[in-house]
Amino acid sequence: MEDRRKEIIYFLANRYNISLQDAEEIVGFQFKFIAKRMASGVDNTIRLPYFGKFTVDKKRVMHLNRLKEEKNKKNAKKDIKKI
């Protein structure tokens, strides 16, 4: 998979006469955008034309938030014991 990605980046850099770094940023931008939007919780579904839909399972988000809260509580208890 990584080899195919590098091939695409190299092809785009040569075709459009841009640096490899610029081509890599262009290819990776859409996925950074999706990750950022999903993390913000604004959208339930994000659609990339000609690529597909990315969705967030609400139950999974609730589970992850619960784990995060439990971890924060444990860390708070440890901090209190240190004092």
PDB file of N, CA and C in Angstrom:
ATOM      1  N   MET A   1       0.825  -1.191   0.000  1.00  0.00           N
ATOM      2  CA  MET A   1       0.000   0.000   0.000  1.00  0.00           C
ATOM      3  C   MET A   1       0.871   1.257   0.000  1.00  0.00           C
ATOM      4  N   GLU A   2       1.883   1.269   0.840  1.00  0.00           N
ATOM      5  CA  GLU A   2       2.776   2.425   0.917  1.00  0.00           C
ATOM      6  C   GLU A   2       3.522   2.623  -0.400  1.00  0.00           C
ATOM      7  N   ASP A   3       3.910   1.520  -1.048  1.00  0.00           N
ATOM      8  CA  ASP A   3       4.604   1.633  -2.334  1.00  0.00           C
ATOM      9  C   ASP A   3       3.707   2.261  -3.386  1.00  0.00           C
ATOM     10  N   ARG A   4       2.439   1.873  -3.379  1.00  0.00           N
ATOM     11  CA  ARG A   4       1.480   2.426  -4.345  1.00  0.00           C
ATOM     12  C   ARG A   4       1.276   3.918  -4.093  1.00  0.00           C
ATOM     13  N   ARG A   5       1.236   4.296  -2.827  1.00  0.00           N
ATOM     14  CA  ARG A   5       1.071   5.707  -2.467  1.00  0.00           C
ATOM     15  C   ARG A   5       2.266   6.524  -2.964  1.00  0.00           C
ATOM     16  N   LYS A   6       3.456   5.985  -2.769  1.00  0.00           N
ATOM     17  CA  LYS A   6       4.658   6.674  -3.238  1.00  0.00           C
ATOM     18  C   LYS A   6       4.666   6.799  -4.756  1.00  0.00           C
ATOM     19  N   GLU A   7       4.196   5.765  -5.430  1.00  0.00           N
ATOM     20  CA  GLU A   7       4.092   5.810  -6.891  1.00  0.00           C
ATOM     21  C   GLU A   7       3.184   6.945  -7.343  1.00  0.00           C
ATOM     22  N   ILE A   8       2.041   7.059  -6.693  1.00  0.00           N
ATOM     23  CA  ILE A   8       1.074   8.101  -7.046  1.00  0.00           C
ATOM     24  C   ILE A   8       1.663   9.484  -6.797  1.00  0.00           C
ATOM     25  N   ILE A   9       2.330   9.655  -5.674  1.00  0.00           N
ATOM     26  CA  ILE A   9       2.945  10.944  -5.348  1.00  0.00           C
ATOM     27  C   ILE A   9       4.010  11.295  -6.379  1.00  0.00           C
ATOM     28  N   TYR A  10       4.842  10.338  -6.730  1.00  0.00           N
ATOM     29  CA  TYR A  10       5.886  10.568  -7.718  1.00  0.00           C
ATOM     30  C   TYR A  10       5.275  10.924  -9.079  1.00  0.00           C
ATOM     31  N   PHE A  11       4.235  10.192  -9.471  1.00  0.00           N
ATOM     32  CA  PHE A  11       3.566  10.448 -10.746  1.00  0.00           C
ATOM     33  C   PHE A  11       2.994  11.865 -10.788  1.00  0.00           C
ATOM     34  N   LEU A  12       2.292  12.258  -9.706  1.00  0.00           N
ATOM     35  CA  LEU A  12       1.688  13.589  -9.668  1.00  0.00           C
ATOM     36  C   LEU A  12       2.738  14.694  -9.663  1.00  0.00           C
ATOM     37  N   ALA A  13       3.827  14.477  -8.943  1.00  0.00           N
ATOM     38  CA  ALA A  13       4.896  15.471  -8.899  1.00  0.00           C
ATOM     39  C   ALA A  13       5.494  15.676 -10.287  1.00  0.00           C
ATOM     40  N   ASN A  14       5.714  14.595 -11.012  1.00  0.00           N
ATOM     41  CA  ASN A  14       6.271  14.714 -12.366  1.00  0.00           C
ATOM     42  C   ASN A  14       5.271  15.313 -13.342  1.00  0.00           C
ATOM     43  N   ARG A  15       4.041  14.888 -13.249  1.00  0.00           N
ATOM     44  CA  ARG A  15       3.018  15.349 -14.199  1.00  0.00           C
ATOM     45  C   ARG A  15       2.755  16.851 -14.073  1.00  0.00           C
ATOM     46  N   TYR A  16       2.682  17.340 -12.837  1.00  0.00           N
ATOM     47  CA  TYR A  16       2.352  18.744 -12.617  1.00  0.00           C
ATOM     48  C   TYR A  16       3.566  19.603 -12.295  1.00  0.00           C
ATOM     49  N   ASN A  17       4.749  19.017 -12.400  1.00  0.00           N
ATOM     50  CA  ASN A  17       6.000  19.735 -12.207  1.00  0.00           C
ATOM     51  C   ASN A  17       6.049  20.449 -10.848  1.00  0.00           C
ATOM     52  N   ILE A  18       5.767  19.689  -9.795  1.00  0.00           N
ATOM     53  CA  ILE A  18       5.839  20.203  -8.429  1.00  0.00           C
ATOM     54  C   ILE A  18       6.792  19.324  -7.632  1.00  0.00           C
ATOM     55  N   SER A  19       7.176  19.803  -6.460  1.00  0.00           N
ATOM     56  CA  SER A  19       8.104  19.016  -5.637  1.00  0.00           C
ATOM     57  C   SER A  19       7.388  17.796  -5.050  1.00  0.00           C
ATOM     58  N   LEU A  20       8.182  16.802  -4.674  1.00  0.00           N
ATOM     59  CA  LEU A  20       7.617  15.600  -4.053  1.00  0.00           C
ATOM     60  C   LEU A  20       6.911  15.939  -2.744  1.00  0.00           C
ATOM     61  N   GLN A  21       7.490  16.880  -1.997  1.00  0.00           N
ATOM     62  CA  GLN A  21       6.900  17.273  -0.722  1.00  0.00           C
ATOM     63  C   GLN A  21       5.526  17.916  -0.939  1.00  0.00           C
ATOM     64  N   ASP A  22       5.406  18.779  -1.950  1.00  0.00           N
ATOM     65  CA  ASP A  22       4.114  19.402  -2.242  1.00  0.00           C
ATOM     66  C   ASP A  22       3.090  18.357  -2.674  1.00  0.00           C
ATOM     67  N   ALA A  23       3.501  17.421  -3.511  1.00  0.00           N
ATOM     68  CA  ALA A  23       2.592  16.366  -3.965  1.00  0.00           C
ATOM     69  C   ALA A  23       2.132  15.511  -2.789  1.00  0.00           C
ATOM     70  N   GLU A  24       3.042  15.229  -1.865  1.00  0.00           N
ATOM     71  CA  GLU A  24       2.695  14.426  -0.692  1.00  0.00           C
ATOM     72  C   GLU A  24       1.692  15.157   0.201  1.00  0.00           C
ATOM     73  N   GLU A  25       1.886  16.463   0.362  1.00  0.00           N
ATOM     74  CA  GLU A  25       0.949  17.249   1.158  1.00  0.00           C
ATOM     75  C   GLU A  25      -0.431  17.278   0.511  1.00  0.00           C
ATOM     76  N   ILE A  26      -0.472  17.393  -0.798  1.00  0.00           N
ATOM     77  CA  ILE A  26      -1.739  17.424  -1.521  1.00  0.00           C
ATOM     78  C   ILE A  26      -2.479  16.100  -1.356  1.00  0.00           C
ATOM     79  N   VAL A  27      -1.771  15.000  -1.501  1.00  0.00           N
ATOM     80  CA  VAL A  27      -2.394  13.679  -1.383  1.00  0.00           C
ATOM     81  C   VAL A  27      -2.898  13.440   0.039  1.00  0.00           C
ATOM     82  N   GLY A  28      -2.143  13.861   1.034  1.00  0.00           N
ATOM     83  CA  GLY A  28      -2.507  13.610   2.418  1.00  0.00           C
ATOM     84  C   GLY A  28      -3.517  14.586   3.003  1.00  0.00           C
ATOM     85  N   PHE A  29      -3.726  15.719   2.341  1.00  0.00           N
ATOM     86  CA  PHE A  29      -4.580  16.761   2.916  1.00  0.00           C
ATOM     87  C   PHE A  29      -6.013  16.294   3.160  1.00  0.00           C
ATOM     88  N   GLN A  30      -6.580  15.604   2.204  1.00  0.00           N
ATOM     89  CA  GLN A  30      -7.982  15.210   2.355  1.00  0.00           C
ATOM     90  C   GLN A  30      -8.190  14.306   3.562  1.00  0.00           C
ATOM     91  N   PHE A  31      -7.222  13.464   3.863  1.00  0.00           N
ATOM     92  CA  PHE A  31      -7.364  12.574   5.006  1.00  0.00           C
ATOM     93  C   PHE A  31      -7.145  13.313   6.327  1.00  0.00           C
ATOM     94  N   LYS A  32      -6.270  14.311   6.316  1.00  0.00           N
ATOM     95  CA  LYS A  32      -6.103  15.146   7.504  1.00  0.00           C
ATOM     96  C   LYS A  32      -7.384  15.925   7.771  1.00  0.00           C
ATOM     97  N   PHE A  33      -8.000  16.404   6.691  1.00  0.00           N
ATOM     98  CA  PHE A  33      -9.254  17.141   6.805  1.00  0.00           C
ATOM     99  C   PHE A  33     -10.342  16.254   7.408  1.00  0.00           C
ATOM    100  N   ILE A  34     -10.463  15.037   6.905  1.00  0.00           N
ATOM    101  CA  ILE A  34     -11.471  14.102   7.415  1.00  0.00           C
ATOM    102  C   ILE A  34     -11.232  13.811   8.888  1.00  0.00           C
ATOM    103  N   ALA A  35      -9.993  13.548   9.262  1.00  0.00           N
ATOM    104  CA  ALA A  35      -9.670  13.247  10.659  1.00  0.00           C
ATOM    105  C   ALA A  35     -10.025  14.424  11.563  1.00  0.00           C
ATOM    106  N   LYS A  36      -9.727  15.630  11.102  1.00  0.00           N
ATOM    107  CA  LYS A  36     -10.010  16.828  11.892  1.00  0.00           C
ATOM    108  C   LYS A  36     -11.513  17.019  12.069  1.00  0.00           C
ATOM    109  N   ARG A  37     -12.274  16.857  10.996  1.00  0.00           N
ATOM    110  CA  ARG A  37     -13.728  17.037  11.068  1.00  0.00           C
ATOM    111  C   ARG A  37     -14.374  15.964  11.943  1.00  0.00           C
ATOM    112  N   MET A  38     -13.913  14.737  11.836  1.00  0.00           N
ATOM    113  CA  MET A  38     -14.476  13.659  12.646  1.00  0.00           C
ATOM    114  C   MET A  38     -14.145  13.867  14.125  1.00  0.00           C
ATOM    115  N   ALA A  39     -12.945  14.338  14.403  1.00  0.00           N
ATOM    116  CA  ALA A  39     -12.548  14.576  15.788  1.00  0.00           C
ATOM    117  C   ALA A  39     -13.353  15.709  16.413  1.00  0.00           C
ATOM    118  N   SER A  40     -13.747  16.680  15.604  1.00  0.00           N
ATOM    119  CA  SER A  40     -14.508  17.808  16.131  1.00  0.00           C
ATOM    120  C   SER A  40     -15.933  17.418  16.482  1.00  0.00           C
ATOM    121  N   GLY A  41     -16.440  16.345  15.880  1.00  0.00           N
ATOM    122  CA  GLY A  41     -17.794  15.893  16.165  1.00  0.00           C
ATOM    123  C   GLY A  41     -18.863  16.680  15.438  1.00  0.00           C
ATOM    124  N   VAL A  42     -18.471  17.511  14.475  1.00  0.00           N
ATOM    125  CA  VAL A  42     -19.427  18.338  13.743  1.00  0.00           C
ATOM    126  C   VAL A  42     -20.278  17.498  12.804  1.00  0.00           C
ATOM    127  N   ASP A  43     -19.660  16.594  12.079  1.00  0.00           N
ATOM    128  CA  ASP A  43     -20.368  15.812  11.071  1.00  0.00           C
ATOM    129  C   ASP A  43     -20.453  14.348  11.450  1.00  0.00           C
ATOM    130  N   ASN A  44     -21.575  13.742  11.080  1.00  0.00           N
ATOM    131  CA  ASN A  44     -21.712  12.301  11.265  1.00  0.00           C
ATOM    132  C   ASN A  44     -21.139  11.551  10.079  1.00  0.00           C
ATOM    133  N   THR A  45     -21.304  12.122   8.880  1.00  0.00           N
ATOM    134  CA  THR A  45     -20.821  11.491   7.660  1.00  0.00           C
ATOM    135  C   THR A  45     -20.102  12.523   6.810  1.00  0.00           C
ATOM    136  N   ILE A  46     -18.959  12.134   6.303  1.00  0.00           N
ATOM    137  CA  ILE A  46     -18.201  12.990   5.393  1.00  0.00           C
ATOM    138  C   ILE A  46     -18.033  12.225   4.099  1.00  0.00           C
ATOM    139  N   ARG A  47     -18.392  12.867   2.997  1.00  0.00           N
ATOM    140  CA  ARG A  47     -18.325  12.221   1.696  1.00  0.00           C
ATOM    141  C   ARG A  47     -17.260  12.881   0.844  1.00  0.00           C
ATOM    142  N   LEU A  48     -16.372  12.064   0.313  1.00  0.00           N
ATOM    143  CA  LEU A  48     -15.387  12.534  -0.657  1.00  0.00           C
ATOM    144  C   LEU A  48     -15.842  12.068  -2.038  1.00  0.00           C
ATOM    145  N   PRO A  49     -16.101  12.995  -2.940  1.00  0.00           N
ATOM    146  CA  PRO A  49     -16.563  12.598  -4.272  1.00  0.00           C
ATOM    147  C   PRO A  49     -15.600  11.614  -4.937  1.00  0.00           C
ATOM    148  N   TYR A  50     -16.139  10.592  -5.537  1.00  0.00           N
ATOM    149  CA  TYR A  50     -15.401   9.555  -6.256  1.00  0.00           C
ATOM    150  C   TYR A  50     -14.524   8.697  -5.349  1.00  0.00           C
ATOM    151  N   PHE A  51     -14.694   8.838  -4.031  1.00  0.00           N
ATOM    152  CA  PHE A  51     -13.870   8.038  -3.123  1.00  0.00           C
ATOM    153  C   PHE A  51     -14.715   7.247  -2.141  1.00  0.00           C
ATOM    154  N   GLY A  52     -15.656   7.903  -1.473  1.00  0.00           N
ATOM    155  CA  GLY A  52     -16.515   7.189  -0.549  1.00  0.00           C
ATOM    156  C   GLY A  52     -16.954   8.038   0.619  1.00  0.00           C
ATOM    157  N   LYS A  53     -17.665   7.390   1.546  1.00  0.00           N
ATOM    158  CA  LYS A  53     -18.164   8.056   2.741  1.00  0.00           C
ATOM    159  C   LYS A  53     -17.411   7.565   3.963  1.00  0.00           C
ATOM    160  N   PHE A  54     -17.169   8.484   4.869  1.00  0.00           N
ATOM    161  CA  PHE A  54     -16.538   8.161   6.132  1.00  0.00           C
ATOM    162  C   PHE A  54     -17.538   8.504   7.221  1.00  0.00           C
ATOM    163  N   THR A  55     -17.847   7.547   8.070  1.00  0.00           N
ATOM    164  CA  THR A  55     -18.828   7.768   9.120  1.00  0.00           C
ATOM    165  C   THR A  55     -18.230   7.459  10.487  1.00  0.00           C
ATOM    166  N   VAL A  56     -18.865   8.039  11.492  1.00  0.00           N
ATOM    167  CA  VAL A  56     -18.466   7.804  12.874  1.00  0.00           C
ATOM    168  C   VAL A  56     -19.611   7.089  13.569  1.00  0.00           C
ATOM    169  N   ASP A  57     -19.297   5.985  14.208  1.00  0.00           N
ATOM    170  CA  ASP A  57     -20.292   5.250  14.973  1.00  0.00           C
ATOM    171  C   ASP A  57     -20.464   5.943  16.327  1.00  0.00           C
ATOM    172  N   LYS A  58     -21.674   6.416  16.612  1.00  0.00           N
ATOM    173  CA  LYS A  58     -21.919   7.166  17.846  1.00  0.00           C
ATOM    174  C   LYS A  58     -21.630   6.336  19.090  1.00  0.00           C
ATOM    175  N   LYS A  59     -21.910   5.045  19.040  1.00  0.00           N
ATOM    176  CA  LYS A  59     -21.638   4.180  20.193  1.00  0.00           C
ATOM    177  C   LYS A  59     -20.137   4.094  20.451  1.00  0.00           C
ATOM    178  N   ARG A  60     -19.362   4.057  19.374  1.00  0.00           N
ATOM    179  CA  ARG A  60     -17.905   3.990  19.524  1.00  0.00           C
ATOM    180  C   ARG A  60     -17.368   5.285  20.145  1.00  0.00           C
ATOM    181  N   VAL A  61     -17.924   6.406  19.724  1.00  0.00           N
ATOM    182  CA  VAL A  61     -17.513   7.699  20.282  1.00  0.00           C
ATOM    183  C   VAL A  61     -17.847   7.755  21.769  1.00  0.00           C
ATOM    184  N   MET A  62     -19.040   7.311  22.131  1.00  0.00           N
ATOM    185  CA  MET A  62     -19.426   7.305  23.542  1.00  0.00           C
ATOM    186  C   MET A  62     -18.493   6.411  24.357  1.00  0.00           C
ATOM    187  N   HIS A  63     -18.142   5.255  23.805  1.00  0.00           N
ATOM    188  CA  HIS A  63     -17.238   4.335  24.495  1.00  0.00           C
ATOM    189  C   HIS A  63     -15.859   4.973  24.694  1.00  0.00           C
ATOM    190  N   LEU A  64     -15.337   5.596  23.656  1.00  0.00           N
ATOM    191  CA  LEU A  64     -14.021   6.237  23.762  1.00  0.00           C
ATOM    192  C   LEU A  64     -14.041   7.395  24.748  1.00  0.00           C
ATOM    193  N   ASN A  65     -15.113   8.168  24.749  1.00  0.00           N
ATOM    194  CA  ASN A  65     -15.230   9.276  25.701  1.00  0.00           C
ATOM    195  C   ASN A  65     -15.296   8.762  27.131  1.00  0.00           C
ATOM    196  N   ARG A  66     -16.005   7.657  27.338  1.00  0.00           N
ATOM    197  CA  ARG A  66     -16.096   7.058  28.669  1.00  0.00           C
ATOM    198  C   ARG A  66     -14.707   6.605  29.136  1.00  0.00           C
ATOM    199  N   LEU A  67     -13.957   5.956  28.259  1.00  0.00           N
ATOM    200  CA  LEU A  67     -12.603   5.519  28.618  1.00  0.00           C
ATOM    201  C   LEU A  67     -11.704   6.709  28.950  1.00  0.00           C
ATOM    202  N   LYS A  68     -11.860   7.767  28.191  1.00  0.00           N
ATOM    203  CA  LYS A  68     -11.062   8.967  28.416  1.00  0.00           C
ATOM    204  C   LYS A  68     -11.378   9.584  29.779  1.00  0.00           C
ATOM    205  N   GLU A  69     -12.666   9.638  30.120  1.00  0.00           N
ATOM    206  CA  GLU A  69     -13.076  10.178  31.424  1.00  0.00           C
ATOM    207  C   GLU A  69     -12.536   9.329  32.568  1.00  0.00           C
ATOM    208  N   GLU A  70     -12.598   8.005  32.419  1.00  0.00           N
ATOM    209  CA  GLU A  70     -12.080   7.115  33.462  1.00  0.00           C
ATOM    210  C   GLU A  70     -10.587   7.312  33.656  1.00  0.00           C
ATOM    211  N   LYS A  71      -9.879   7.476  32.556  1.00  0.00           N
ATOM    212  CA  LYS A  71      -8.433   7.697  32.635  1.00  0.00           C
ATOM    213  C   LYS A  71      -8.138   9.020  33.345  1.00  0.00           C
ATOM    214  N   ASN A  72      -8.908  10.056  33.028  1.00  0.00           N
ATOM    215  CA  ASN A  72      -8.712  11.355  33.686  1.00  0.00           C
ATOM    216  C   ASN A  72      -8.992  11.277  35.180  1.00  0.00           C
ATOM    217  N   LYS A  73     -10.017  10.509  35.571  1.00  0.00           N
ATOM    218  CA  LYS A  73     -10.332  10.346  36.985  1.00  0.00           C
ATOM    219  C   LYS A  73      -9.204   9.638  37.715  1.00  0.00           C
ATOM    220  N   LYS A  74      -8.650   8.590  37.088  1.00  0.00           N
ATOM    221  CA  LYS A  74      -7.545   7.862  37.709  1.00  0.00           C
ATOM    222  C   LYS A  74      -6.330   8.762  37.875  1.00  0.00           C
ATOM    223  N   ASN A  75      -6.036   9.569  36.859  1.00  0.00           N
ATOM    224  CA  ASN A  75      -4.898  10.476  36.944  1.00  0.00           C
ATOM    225  C   ASN A  75      -5.120  11.536  38.014  1.00  0.00           C
ATOM    226  N   ALA A  76      -6.351  12.002  38.157  1.00  0.00           N
ATOM    227  CA  ALA A  76      -6.667  12.997  39.194  1.00  0.00           C
ATOM    228  C   ALA A  76      -6.470  12.391  40.576  1.00  0.00           C
ATOM    229  N   LYS A  77      -6.877  11.138  40.770  1.00  0.00           N
ATOM    230  CA  LYS A  77      -6.699  10.473  42.065  1.00  0.00           C
ATOM    231  C   LYS A  77      -5.219  10.306  42.392  1.00  0.00           C
ATOM    232  N   LYS A  78      -4.416   9.975  41.362  1.00  0.00           N
ATOM    233  CA  LYS A  78      -2.976   9.838  41.577  1.00  0.00           C
ATOM    234  C   LYS A  78      -2.352  11.156  41.982  1.00  0.00           C
ATOM    235  N   ASP A  79      -2.806  12.239  41.339  1.00  0.00           N
ATOM    236  CA  ASP A  79      -2.275  13.551  41.667  1.00  0.00           C
ATOM    237  C   ASP A  79      -2.627  13.962  43.098  1.00  0.00           C
ATOM    238  N   ILE A  80      -3.833  13.621  43.531  1.00  0.00           N
ATOM    239  CA  ILE A  80      -4.270  13.949  44.888  1.00  0.00           C
ATOM    240  C   ILE A  80      -3.440  13.173  45.904  1.00  0.00           C
ATOM    241  N   LYS A  81      -3.140  11.913  45.627  1.00  0.00           N
ATOM    242  CA  LYS A  81      -2.347  11.084  46.543  1.00  0.00           C
ATOM    243  C   LYS A  81      -0.921  11.617  46.672  1.00  0.00           C
ATOM    244  N   LYS A  82      -0.392  12.206  45.596  1.00  0.00           N
ATOM    245  CA  LYS A  82       0.967  12.742  45.623  1.00  0.00           C
ATOM    246  C   LYS A  82       1.068  13.954  46.539  1.00  0.00           C
ATOM    247  N   ILE A  83      -0.034  14.674  46.673  1.00  0.00           N
ATOM    248  CA  ILE A  83      -0.033  15.889  47.500  1.00  0.00           C
ATOM    249  C   ILE A  83      -0.121  15.491  48.907  1.00  0.00           C
TER     250      ILE A  83
END
